[in-house]
Amino acid sequence: MSYRYVGILLNAAMYRGVPRRKTGQESLSNYEEAAAEFGLIPVFIHIGDIHIRKGRTAAYIYQNHQYEQVSMPIPDVIHNRAIFQNNAAHPTIRVLISRGVEVFNVNNRYGKDVIHRLLSADPFLRDSLPDTAVFSYPALRRFMEIHHDLILKPCRGTVGRGIIRLRHDKSGWRITYPSSMRRPACIQHKLRRGELPPYVQQYLHRFPYLIQERIPLAESKGRSFDFRVTVQRGMTGEWAVTGMFAKKSPPGMFVSNLAGGGKACPVPELLAEVMPSSQTSVVIAQVEHLALTIASYLSMKLPLLADLGLDIGVTQDGRIYFIECNGRDQRYGFKKAGMGDIWKATYREPMAFAWHLHNRRE
């Protein structure tokens, strides 16, 4: 009997946790359930175990009521859920693709500067982007002359770490920045002579940053919010919105990331607090349209995208803005928002797309 396998490519730590089912926010059972619906068998692999010359890999597969490690041929279709911290994995991925293996979401950590540059080349999408530039001190001075609220964010930062806010009020410019670039707790004080604190300057010299006008996001009870929109390709190969939830910032904070203390909740529930019901459906439709347009556009520029999490904001007057793109959508926000069916669907659609790729090959 011929089996259809789909490889789920994981980082080393997550891969080691598979036999103990200790894979953080990644749900093995959701993969198993979704793959079974399409007659697929998910196997969990790590880039270091792939032997190109032999055409084989070590993999964890569920059998005998447990996950067992086996040696098997490299799957024809692989869903990449790993983030590679160095370039050592890239040659292996390139060779796999050159030999006909379908690897989707092959790179899931494009820099924010790369994504912004691609999107700003499109006239329609450009209108939905905040004013943005790669950080330099001349660029910062220019932005401080034309905007009164700025965000400095790492080009490759994640879960809200390292984000800095500069805001001008009656007393001058004030800066808010993390007490540690890995912790959400913030320090706030007035800029002296317009100069950034030495600690912040050191960090800006170490890592590439973007400067961005801060979108005046809509607020609910003093807490700003934006939307995480999961856009995926399924069994037809076409993009569709799987679902979205709202991310509300913690009290007194300006970032809404769940890992930094943000709260996930259903979008209609939150919008009902801040705008008339007649406007709610319009905003949701506009957010979905922008998300689909961005996903379709990026998939023409980047190789085999199929699974994205887009952060999209709305202002109090209903204007829609793209904030950033996540190539490895964490998905668990739907579970936290009480949207269990959508959470499961975010695993189903990549397996449906793997089924689509298998059929296309045959």
Protein backbone atom coordinates (compact mmCIF):
# COMPACT_ATOMS: atom_id res chain seq x y z
CA MET A 1 0.00 0.00 0.00
CA SER A 2 1.33 3.43 -0.93
CA TYR A 3 1.17 6.07 1.80
CA ARG A 4 1.09 9.84 1.35
CA TYR A 5 3.32 11.51 3.89
CA VAL A 6 3.59 15.19 4.73
CA GLY A 7 6.73 16.32 6.54
CA ILE A 8 6.37 18.90 9.33
CA LEU A 9 9.78 20.55 9.64
CA LEU A 10 10.46 21.66 13.23
CA ASN A 11 13.21 23.44 15.14
CA ALA A 12 15.58 21.22 17.14
CA ALA A 13 14.07 21.86 20.59
CA MET A 14 10.51 21.25 19.40
CA TYR A 15 11.60 18.15 17.49
CA ARG A 16 13.22 16.69 20.61
CA GLY A 17 9.95 17.21 22.48
CA VAL A 18 7.82 15.21 20.03
CA PRO A 19 8.04 11.79 21.79
CA ARG A 20 7.04 13.47 25.08
CA ARG A 21 4.43 15.65 23.32
CA LYS A 22 6.27 18.69 24.67
CA THR A 23 6.15 20.94 21.61
CA GLY A 24 5.17 24.27 23.15
CA GLN A 25 2.32 25.92 21.28
CA GLU A 26 2.49 23.49 18.34
CA SER A 27 -0.34 20.92 18.54
CA LEU A 28 0.67 17.46 17.30
CA SER A 29 -2.89 16.13 17.68
CA ASN A 30 -4.25 18.92 15.48
CA TYR A 31 -1.79 17.91 12.74
CA GLU A 32 -2.77 14.24 13.09
CA GLU A 33 -6.50 14.98 12.96
CA ALA A 34 -6.24 17.39 10.02
CA ALA A 35 -3.92 15.17 7.97
CA ALA A 36 -6.15 12.13 8.47
CA GLU A 37 -9.05 14.03 6.91
CA PHE A 38 -7.06 14.18 3.65
CA GLY A 39 -5.59 10.70 3.78
CA LEU A 40 -2.16 11.99 4.78
CA ILE A 41 0.26 10.83 7.46
CA PRO A 42 2.20 13.62 9.19
CA VAL A 43 5.83 12.89 10.04
CA PHE A 44 7.87 15.29 12.15
CA ILE A 45 11.39 16.00 10.93
CA HIS A 46 14.45 18.13 11.68
CA ILE A 47 16.75 19.66 9.08
CA GLY A 48 19.87 18.10 10.64
CA ASP A 49 18.50 14.57 10.12
CA ILE A 50 17.90 14.93 6.38
CA HIS A 51 20.47 12.99 4.32
CA ILE A 52 20.35 14.35 0.80
CA ARG A 53 22.66 11.74 -0.76
CA LYS A 54 20.69 8.83 0.70
CA GLY A 55 17.36 10.48 0.06
CA ARG A 56 16.27 9.61 3.60
CA THR A 57 15.55 11.27 6.91
CA ALA A 58 14.90 10.38 10.52
CA ALA A 59 11.31 11.20 11.46
CA TYR A 60 8.87 10.85 14.32
CA ILE A 61 5.67 9.07 13.32
CA TYR A 62 2.69 8.12 15.47
CA GLN A 63 2.32 4.36 15.68
CA ASN A 64 1.66 1.81 18.43
CA HIS A 65 0.02 4.60 20.50
CA GLN A 66 3.24 6.63 20.69
CA TYR A 67 5.66 8.67 18.61
CA GLU A 68 8.48 6.47 17.34
CA GLN A 69 11.55 7.58 15.44
CA VAL A 70 12.03 5.83 12.11
CA SER A 71 14.22 6.15 9.03
CA MET A 72 12.22 6.84 5.89
CA PRO A 73 12.44 8.39 2.42
CA ILE A 74 12.29 12.19 2.42
CA PRO A 75 8.60 13.18 2.09
CA ASP A 76 7.57 14.65 -1.26
CA VAL A 77 5.76 17.53 0.50
CA ILE A 78 7.11 19.42 3.53
CA HIS A 79 5.46 22.17 5.58
CA ASN A 80 8.20 24.31 7.10
CA ARG A 81 7.50 25.34 10.70
CA ALA A 82 11.16 25.88 11.64
CA ILE A 83 12.95 29.20 12.00
CA PHE A 84 16.61 28.83 11.09
CA GLN A 85 18.93 30.97 13.20
CA ASN A 86 21.82 30.66 10.74
CA ASN A 87 22.34 29.93 7.06
CA ALA A 88 23.52 26.33 7.50
CA ALA A 89 20.08 24.90 6.71
CA HIS A 90 19.50 26.86 3.52
CA PRO A 91 21.69 24.74 1.18
CA THR A 92 19.80 21.61 2.27
CA ILE A 93 16.46 23.29 1.56
CA ARG A 94 17.67 24.50 -1.85
CA VAL A 95 18.81 21.01 -2.83
CA LEU A 96 15.48 19.50 -1.71
CA ILE A 97 13.58 21.96 -3.88
CA SER A 98 15.90 21.39 -6.84
CA ARG A 99 15.13 17.67 -6.57
CA GLY A 100 11.40 18.24 -6.73
CA VAL A 101 10.44 18.21 -3.06
CA GLU A 102 7.60 20.69 -2.43
CA VAL A 103 8.64 22.79 0.59
CA PHE A 104 6.02 25.40 1.43
CA ASN A 105 6.64 28.44 3.59
CA VAL A 106 10.28 27.66 2.84
CA ASN A 107 11.41 30.90 4.49
CA ASN A 108 9.13 32.02 7.29
CA ARG A 109 11.16 34.86 8.73
CA TYR A 110 11.50 37.59 6.14
CA GLY A 111 12.70 40.86 7.63
CA LYS A 112 10.11 43.59 8.20
CA ASP A 113 12.19 45.84 5.93
CA VAL A 114 12.00 43.26 3.12
CA ILE A 115 8.22 42.89 3.41
CA HIS A 116 7.70 46.66 3.58
CA ARG A 117 9.87 47.22 0.50
CA LEU A 118 7.92 44.62 -1.48
CA LEU A 119 4.51 45.94 -0.46
CA SER A 120 5.37 49.59 -0.98
CA ALA A 121 6.12 48.85 -4.66
CA ASP A 122 2.38 48.32 -5.20
CA PRO A 123 0.39 51.60 -5.44
CA PHE A 124 -2.77 50.14 -3.87
CA LEU A 125 -0.97 48.55 -0.94
CA ARG A 126 1.25 51.59 -0.39
CA ASP A 127 -1.78 53.55 0.83
CA SER A 128 -2.29 50.96 3.60
CA LEU A 129 1.27 51.18 4.96
CA PRO A 130 2.48 53.50 7.72
CA ASP A 131 5.34 55.84 6.78
CA THR A 132 8.45 53.69 7.23
CA ALA A 133 12.23 53.89 6.78
CA VAL A 134 15.29 51.87 7.72
CA PHE A 135 16.75 53.36 10.89
CA SER A 136 19.50 55.93 10.68
CA TYR A 137 19.93 59.07 12.77
CA PRO A 138 19.22 61.40 9.81
CA ALA A 139 16.07 59.40 9.05
CA LEU A 140 15.03 59.56 12.70
CA ARG A 141 15.46 63.35 12.76
CA ARG A 142 13.37 63.65 9.58
CA PHE A 143 10.60 61.48 11.05
CA MET A 144 10.61 63.51 14.28
CA GLU A 145 10.00 66.64 12.22
CA ILE A 146 6.90 65.30 10.45
CA HIS A 147 5.36 62.86 12.97
CA HIS A 148 4.51 63.15 16.66
CA ASP A 149 4.36 59.45 17.49
CA LEU A 150 6.96 56.91 16.29
CA ILE A 151 7.73 53.24 16.67
CA LEU A 152 11.25 51.79 16.32
CA LYS A 153 11.11 48.03 15.75
CA PRO A 154 13.77 45.38 15.01
CA CYS A 155 13.70 44.24 11.38
CA ARG A 156 13.74 40.64 12.61
CA GLY A 157 12.27 41.01 16.06
CA THR A 158 9.51 38.73 17.29
CA VAL A 159 6.67 38.76 19.87
CA GLY A 160 7.08 42.49 20.46
CA ARG A 161 10.62 42.33 21.86
CA GLY A 162 12.86 45.35 21.46
CA ILE A 163 10.12 47.75 20.30
CA ILE A 164 10.70 51.41 21.24
CA ARG A 165 8.19 54.27 21.19
CA LEU A 166 8.96 57.96 20.77
CA ARG A 167 6.08 60.36 21.43
CA HIS A 168 5.90 64.14 21.42
CA ASP A 169 3.66 65.93 23.92
CA LYS A 170 3.48 69.39 25.47
CA SER A 171 6.66 68.82 27.46
CA GLY A 172 8.66 67.53 24.47
CA TRP A 173 9.73 64.08 23.27
CA ARG A 174 9.33 61.09 25.57
CA ILE A 175 10.75 57.62 25.02
CA THR A 176 9.34 54.29 26.16
CA TYR A 177 11.55 51.23 25.83
CA PRO A 178 11.89 47.76 27.38
CA SER A 179 13.84 47.49 30.63
CA SER A 180 15.30 44.39 28.99
CA MET A 181 15.04 43.74 25.27
CA ARG A 182 13.60 40.32 26.18
CA ARG A 183 11.02 41.45 28.71
CA PRO A 184 7.80 43.45 28.32
CA ALA A 185 8.35 45.76 31.34
CA CYS A 186 9.07 49.29 30.10
CA ILE A 187 11.02 52.40 31.13
CA GLN A 188 9.66 55.82 30.20
CA HIS A 189 11.29 59.22 30.50
CA LYS A 190 11.82 62.51 28.69
CA LEU A 191 14.55 62.75 26.07
CA ARG A 192 17.42 64.99 27.09
CA ARG A 193 18.48 67.34 24.30
CA GLY A 194 16.64 65.02 21.94
CA GLU A 195 19.24 62.27 22.38
CA LEU A 196 18.39 58.60 22.76
CA PRO A 197 19.57 56.89 25.98
CA PRO A 198 22.96 55.12 25.67
CA TYR A 199 21.36 51.71 26.27
CA VAL A 200 18.98 52.25 23.35
CA GLN A 201 21.75 53.59 21.12
CA GLN A 202 23.83 50.48 21.76
CA TYR A 203 20.94 48.25 20.78
CA LEU A 204 20.23 50.24 17.61
CA HIS A 205 23.88 49.82 16.59
CA ARG A 206 23.77 46.04 17.15
CA PHE A 207 20.63 45.20 15.17
CA PRO A 208 18.93 46.62 12.06
CA TYR A 209 15.81 48.61 12.94
CA LEU A 210 12.88 50.26 11.17
CA ILE A 211 11.40 53.66 12.01
CA GLN A 212 7.64 53.85 11.56
CA GLU A 213 4.94 56.38 12.24
CA ARG A 214 2.74 54.94 14.98
CA ILE A 215 -0.74 54.27 13.69
CA PRO A 216 -3.36 55.87 15.97
CA LEU A 217 -4.97 52.51 16.67
CA ALA A 218 -8.52 52.26 17.92
CA GLU A 219 -8.75 51.70 21.67
CA SER A 220 -11.09 49.85 23.99
CA LYS A 221 -11.13 51.19 27.55
CA GLY A 222 -7.77 52.85 27.01
CA ARG A 223 -6.13 49.73 25.53
CA SER A 224 -5.15 49.80 21.86
CA PHE A 225 -5.79 46.76 19.69
CA ASP A 226 -5.07 45.27 16.30
CA PHE A 227 -6.03 42.10 14.46
CA ARG A 228 -4.15 38.87 13.74
CA VAL A 229 -5.50 37.57 10.43
CA THR A 230 -4.57 34.01 9.44
CA VAL A 231 -4.46 33.70 5.65
CA GLN A 232 -3.75 30.25 4.18
CA ARG A 233 -3.93 28.23 1.00
CA GLY A 234 -6.05 25.08 1.24
CA MET A 235 -7.23 22.21 -0.95
CA THR A 236 -7.87 24.40 -4.02
CA GLY A 237 -4.48 26.11 -3.73
CA GLU A 238 -6.17 29.51 -3.45
CA TRP A 239 -5.71 31.99 -0.62
CA ALA A 240 -8.52 32.38 1.93
CA VAL A 241 -8.93 33.93 5.37
CA THR A 242 -9.10 31.10 7.89
CA GLY A 243 -9.98 33.45 10.73
CA MET A 244 -8.97 36.48 12.75
CA PHE A 245 -8.87 37.54 16.38
CA ALA A 246 -8.21 40.84 18.11
CA LYS A 247 -5.10 41.48 20.22
CA LYS A 248 -5.60 44.01 23.00
CA SER A 249 -2.54 45.62 24.59
CA PRO A 250 -1.94 45.24 28.34
CA PRO A 251 -2.87 48.26 30.50
CA GLY A 252 -0.28 51.00 30.12
CA MET A 253 1.55 49.23 27.26
CA PHE A 254 1.70 50.10 23.56
CA VAL A 255 2.26 46.62 22.08
CA SER A 256 -0.43 43.97 21.84
CA ASN A 257 1.61 40.78 21.43
CA LEU A 258 0.16 37.87 23.41
CA ALA A 259 3.61 36.80 24.62
CA GLY A 260 4.00 40.27 26.15
CA GLY A 261 0.75 40.17 28.07
CA GLY A 262 -1.75 41.07 25.35
CA LYS A 263 -5.26 39.63 25.44
CA ALA A 264 -6.89 37.71 22.58
CA CYS A 265 -10.61 38.08 21.94
CA PRO A 266 -13.11 37.71 19.05
CA VAL A 267 -13.10 40.65 16.62
CA PRO A 268 -16.89 41.40 16.52
CA GLU A 269 -17.01 41.44 20.31
CA LEU A 270 -14.25 44.05 20.55
CA LEU A 271 -15.40 46.21 17.63
CA ALA A 272 -18.88 46.39 19.18
CA GLU A 273 -17.29 48.31 22.07
CA VAL A 274 -15.82 51.05 19.90
CA MET A 275 -18.00 51.56 16.82
CA PRO A 276 -21.59 51.19 15.58
CA SER A 277 -22.70 47.71 14.50
CA SER A 278 -23.27 49.01 10.95
CA GLN A 279 -19.55 49.87 10.72
CA THR A 280 -18.30 46.59 12.24
CA SER A 281 -19.11 44.39 9.23
CA VAL A 282 -17.56 46.96 6.89
CA VAL A 283 -14.29 47.01 8.87
CA ILE A 284 -14.10 43.20 8.98
CA ALA A 285 -14.68 43.00 5.21
CA GLN A 286 -11.96 45.62 4.57
CA VAL A 287 -9.49 43.81 6.84
CA GLU A 288 -10.12 40.50 5.05
CA HIS A 289 -9.77 42.14 1.63
CA LEU A 290 -6.46 43.76 2.56
CA ALA A 291 -5.14 40.52 4.06
CA LEU A 292 -5.99 38.52 0.93
CA THR A 293 -4.52 41.17 -1.35
CA ILE A 294 -1.26 41.21 0.62
CA ALA A 295 -0.99 37.40 0.70
CA SER A 296 -1.63 37.12 -3.04
CA TYR A 297 0.87 39.86 -3.82
CA LEU A 298 3.62 38.44 -1.60
CA SER A 299 3.12 34.94 -3.02
CA MET A 300 4.00 36.33 -6.47
CA LYS A 301 7.30 37.67 -5.07
CA LEU A 302 8.35 34.98 -2.58
CA PRO A 303 8.68 31.20 -3.07
CA LEU A 304 5.71 28.94 -2.26
CA LEU A 305 4.03 30.89 0.53
CA ALA A 306 0.95 29.17 1.91
CA ASP A 307 0.51 30.08 5.60
CA LEU A 308 0.72 33.65 6.92
CA GLY A 309 -0.35 35.58 10.00
CA LEU A 310 -0.89 39.26 9.19
CA ASP A 311 -1.18 42.00 11.80
CA ILE A 312 -3.63 44.65 10.62
CA GLY A 313 -4.73 47.73 12.55
CA VAL A 314 -7.79 49.96 12.40
CA THR A 315 -7.98 53.58 13.52
CA GLN A 316 -10.86 55.02 15.52
CA ASP A 317 -12.34 56.46 12.31
CA GLY A 318 -12.17 53.08 10.56
CA ARG A 319 -9.07 53.39 8.38
CA ILE A 320 -7.21 50.09 7.82
CA TYR A 321 -3.40 49.70 8.00
CA PHE A 322 -1.01 46.79 7.50
CA ILE A 323 1.37 46.46 10.45
CA GLU A 324 3.49 43.35 9.85
CA CYS A 325 3.66 39.86 8.41
CA ASN A 326 4.40 36.68 10.38
CA GLY A 327 5.67 33.76 8.32
CA ARG A 328 5.21 31.33 11.21
CA ASP A 329 1.80 32.15 12.61
CA GLN A 330 1.66 30.88 16.19
CA ARG A 331 -2.10 30.11 15.89
CA TYR A 332 -2.69 29.65 19.62
CA GLY A 333 -4.30 33.09 19.87
CA PHE A 334 -7.51 31.56 18.50
CA LYS A 335 -7.53 29.09 21.37
CA LYS A 336 -6.96 31.90 23.88
CA ALA A 337 -9.81 33.86 22.30
CA GLY A 338 -12.16 30.90 22.80
CA MET A 339 -12.23 30.17 19.06
CA GLY A 340 -11.29 26.47 19.23
CA ASP A 341 -12.81 25.51 15.88
CA ILE A 342 -10.79 28.20 14.06
CA TRP A 343 -7.66 27.13 15.96
CA LYS A 344 -8.09 23.61 14.56
CA ALA A 345 -8.82 25.03 11.10
CA THR A 346 -5.43 26.79 11.08
CA TYR A 347 -3.87 23.30 11.15
CA ARG A 348 -6.37 21.85 8.70
CA GLU A 349 -5.68 24.27 5.85
CA PRO A 350 -1.91 23.56 5.56
CA MET A 351 -2.70 19.84 5.46
CA ALA A 352 -5.33 20.55 2.80
CA PHE A 353 -2.69 22.43 0.81
CA ALA A 354 -0.26 19.51 1.22
CA TRP A 355 -3.02 17.29 -0.24
CA HIS A 356 -3.34 19.77 -3.11
CA LEU A 357 0.42 19.61 -3.78
CA HIS A 358 0.38 15.79 -3.74
CA ASN A 359 -2.43 15.79 -6.29
CA ARG A 360 -0.64 18.33 -8.45
CA ARG A 361 2.48 16.16 -8.48
CA GLU A 362 0.49 13.13 -9.57
